[in-house]
């Protein structure tokens, strides 16, 4: 196992929970992001990768491949 994520949400945030899970699924489907996350040298770099990621950019990369 090289990447693990944990999602903590308030009990009544079911809609937000599903939105977050959907975005996580998109993120982990992005091969370039997974590779960059696996190679991140520290937590700060990993955080930067996650916060800078855009779903549309991932779709454009897949379409171009």
N, C-alpha and C. Protein backbone atom coordinates (compact mmCIF):
# COMPACT_ATOMS: atom_id res chain seq x y z
N UNK A 1 0.86 -1.18 0.00
CA UNK A 1 0.00 0.00 0.00
C UNK A 1 0.89 1.23 0.00
N UNK A 2 0.66 2.09 -0.96
CA UNK A 2 1.49 3.29 -1.04
C UNK A 2 0.72 4.56 -0.70
N UNK A 3 -0.59 4.56 -0.86
CA UNK A 3 -1.40 5.74 -0.55
C UNK A 3 -2.64 5.32 0.23
N UNK A 4 -2.94 6.06 1.28
CA UNK A 4 -4.12 5.82 2.10
C UNK A 4 -4.75 7.17 2.39
N UNK A 5 -6.07 7.23 2.42
CA UNK A 5 -6.72 8.47 2.82
C UNK A 5 -7.75 8.16 3.89
N UNK A 6 -8.01 9.15 4.71
CA UNK A 6 -9.00 9.04 5.78
C UNK A 6 -9.95 10.21 5.61
N UNK A 7 -11.23 9.96 5.71
CA UNK A 7 -12.23 11.00 5.56
C UNK A 7 -13.07 11.05 6.83
N UNK A 8 -13.02 12.17 7.51
CA UNK A 8 -13.82 12.39 8.70
C UNK A 8 -14.81 13.51 8.41
N UNK A 9 -16.10 13.22 8.57
CA UNK A 9 -17.13 14.24 8.34
C UNK A 9 -18.14 14.18 9.47
N UNK A 10 -18.80 15.31 9.73
CA UNK A 10 -19.86 15.29 10.75
C UNK A 10 -20.97 14.31 10.36
N UNK A 11 -21.62 13.75 11.35
CA UNK A 11 -22.65 12.73 11.13
C UNK A 11 -23.75 13.19 10.17
N UNK A 12 -24.11 14.45 10.23
CA UNK A 12 -25.23 14.95 9.41
C UNK A 12 -24.79 15.53 8.07
N UNK A 13 -23.54 15.37 7.72
CA UNK A 13 -23.03 15.94 6.47
C UNK A 13 -23.01 14.89 5.36
N UNK A 14 -24.10 14.17 5.19
CA UNK A 14 -24.11 13.07 4.22
C UNK A 14 -23.91 13.56 2.79
N UNK A 15 -24.53 14.66 2.41
CA UNK A 15 -24.37 15.17 1.04
C UNK A 15 -22.93 15.61 0.80
N UNK A 16 -22.36 16.34 1.73
CA UNK A 16 -20.97 16.79 1.60
C UNK A 16 -20.03 15.58 1.55
N UNK A 17 -20.32 14.59 2.36
CA UNK A 17 -19.54 13.36 2.40
C UNK A 17 -19.48 12.71 1.02
N UNK A 18 -20.62 12.65 0.34
CA UNK A 18 -20.67 12.04 -0.99
C UNK A 18 -19.91 12.88 -2.01
N UNK A 19 -19.99 14.19 -1.90
CA UNK A 19 -19.24 15.07 -2.80
C UNK A 19 -17.74 14.87 -2.62
N UNK A 20 -17.30 14.78 -1.38
CA UNK A 20 -15.88 14.58 -1.10
C UNK A 20 -15.41 13.22 -1.62
N UNK A 21 -16.20 12.18 -1.39
CA UNK A 21 -15.85 10.85 -1.89
C UNK A 21 -15.75 10.84 -3.42
N UNK A 22 -16.66 11.55 -4.07
CA UNK A 22 -16.63 11.64 -5.53
C UNK A 22 -15.34 12.30 -6.00
N UNK A 23 -14.96 13.39 -5.35
CA UNK A 23 -13.73 14.07 -5.75
C UNK A 23 -12.50 13.21 -5.46
N UNK A 24 -12.50 12.52 -4.34
CA UNK A 24 -11.38 11.61 -4.04
C UNK A 24 -11.26 10.52 -5.10
N UNK A 25 -12.40 9.99 -5.54
CA UNK A 25 -12.37 8.96 -6.58
C UNK A 25 -11.77 9.52 -7.86
N UNK A 26 -12.12 10.75 -8.20
CA UNK A 26 -11.54 11.39 -9.39
C UNK A 26 -10.04 11.58 -9.21
N UNK A 27 -9.65 12.05 -8.03
CA UNK A 27 -8.23 12.29 -7.77
C UNK A 27 -7.42 11.00 -7.90
N UNK A 28 -7.90 9.93 -7.28
CA UNK A 28 -7.15 8.68 -7.29
C UNK A 28 -7.23 7.97 -8.63
N UNK A 29 -8.11 8.43 -9.52
CA UNK A 29 -8.16 7.91 -10.89
C UNK A 29 -7.14 8.60 -11.79
N UNK A 30 -6.57 9.68 -11.31
CA UNK A 30 -5.59 10.47 -12.07
C UNK A 30 -4.20 9.88 -11.84
N UNK A 31 -3.72 9.13 -12.84
CA UNK A 31 -2.43 8.43 -12.69
C UNK A 31 -1.29 9.39 -12.39
N UNK A 32 -1.26 10.52 -13.07
CA UNK A 32 -0.17 11.49 -12.85
C UNK A 32 -0.20 12.01 -11.42
N UNK A 33 -1.38 12.26 -10.89
CA UNK A 33 -1.48 12.72 -9.50
C UNK A 33 -1.04 11.63 -8.54
N UNK A 34 -1.47 10.39 -8.77
CA UNK A 34 -1.05 9.29 -7.89
C UNK A 34 0.46 9.15 -7.87
N UNK A 35 1.07 9.24 -9.04
CA UNK A 35 2.53 9.13 -9.11
C UNK A 35 3.21 10.29 -8.39
N UNK A 36 2.68 11.50 -8.58
CA UNK A 36 3.25 12.66 -7.90
C UNK A 36 3.08 12.55 -6.39
N UNK A 37 1.91 12.06 -5.94
CA UNK A 37 1.67 11.90 -4.51
C UNK A 37 2.63 10.86 -3.92
N UNK A 38 2.84 9.77 -4.64
CA UNK A 38 3.75 8.73 -4.15
C UNK A 38 5.18 9.23 -4.03
N UNK A 39 5.55 10.18 -4.88
CA UNK A 39 6.90 10.72 -4.86
C UNK A 39 7.07 11.98 -4.05
N UNK A 40 6.01 12.43 -3.40
CA UNK A 40 6.09 13.67 -2.61
C UNK A 40 7.10 13.49 -1.48
N UNK A 41 8.03 14.44 -1.32
CA UNK A 41 9.09 14.29 -0.31
C UNK A 41 8.63 14.50 1.13
N UNK A 42 7.51 15.19 1.31
CA UNK A 42 7.04 15.45 2.68
C UNK A 42 5.55 15.80 2.66
N UNK A 43 4.99 15.95 3.85
CA UNK A 43 3.55 16.22 3.98
C UNK A 43 3.17 17.54 3.33
N UNK A 44 4.04 18.53 3.41
CA UNK A 44 3.75 19.83 2.79
C UNK A 44 3.61 19.72 1.28
N UNK A 45 4.51 18.97 0.67
CA UNK A 45 4.45 18.77 -0.78
C UNK A 45 3.19 17.99 -1.18
N UNK A 46 2.85 17.00 -0.38
CA UNK A 46 1.64 16.22 -0.63
C UNK A 46 0.40 17.11 -0.52
N UNK A 47 0.36 17.93 0.50
CA UNK A 47 -0.76 18.86 0.68
C UNK A 47 -0.88 19.79 -0.52
N UNK A 48 0.23 20.30 -1.00
CA UNK A 48 0.23 21.20 -2.15
C UNK A 48 -0.33 20.50 -3.39
N UNK A 49 0.06 19.27 -3.61
CA UNK A 49 -0.46 18.51 -4.76
C UNK A 49 -1.97 18.34 -4.68
N UNK A 50 -2.45 18.00 -3.49
CA UNK A 50 -3.89 17.77 -3.31
C UNK A 50 -4.68 19.05 -3.49
N UNK A 51 -4.21 20.14 -2.88
CA UNK A 51 -4.97 21.39 -2.95
C UNK A 51 -4.89 22.03 -4.33
N UNK A 52 -3.85 21.76 -5.10
CA UNK A 52 -3.70 22.35 -6.43
C UNK A 52 -4.41 21.54 -7.51
N UNK A 53 -4.78 20.31 -7.21
CA UNK A 53 -5.40 19.44 -8.20
C UNK A 53 -6.76 19.98 -8.63
N UNK A 54 -7.04 19.93 -9.92
CA UNK A 54 -8.31 20.37 -10.49
C UNK A 54 -8.92 19.23 -11.30
N UNK A 55 -10.20 18.90 -11.08
CA UNK A 55 -10.82 17.80 -11.82
C UNK A 55 -10.76 17.99 -13.33
N UNK A 56 -10.99 19.19 -13.81
CA UNK A 56 -10.99 19.44 -15.26
C UNK A 56 -9.62 19.19 -15.86
N UNK A 57 -8.59 19.56 -15.14
CA UNK A 57 -7.22 19.34 -15.64
C UNK A 57 -6.96 17.85 -15.81
N UNK A 58 -7.44 17.04 -14.89
CA UNK A 58 -7.25 15.60 -14.98
C UNK A 58 -7.96 15.05 -16.21
N UNK A 59 -9.17 15.52 -16.48
CA UNK A 59 -9.91 15.08 -17.65
C UNK A 59 -9.22 15.46 -18.94
N UNK A 60 -8.63 16.63 -18.97
CA UNK A 60 -7.91 17.08 -20.16
C UNK A 60 -6.67 16.23 -20.38
N UNK A 61 -5.98 15.83 -19.29
CA UNK A 61 -4.80 14.98 -19.43
C UNK A 61 -5.19 13.62 -19.99
N UNK A 62 -6.30 13.05 -19.49
CA UNK A 62 -6.75 11.74 -19.99
C UNK A 62 -7.14 11.84 -21.46
N UNK A 63 -7.81 12.93 -21.85
CA UNK A 63 -8.25 13.09 -23.23
C UNK A 63 -7.05 13.23 -24.17
N UNK A 64 -5.99 13.87 -23.68
CA UNK A 64 -4.81 14.10 -24.50
C UNK A 64 -3.96 12.84 -24.66
N UNK A 65 -4.10 11.91 -23.72
CA UNK A 65 -3.26 10.70 -23.73
C UNK A 65 -3.67 9.72 -24.80
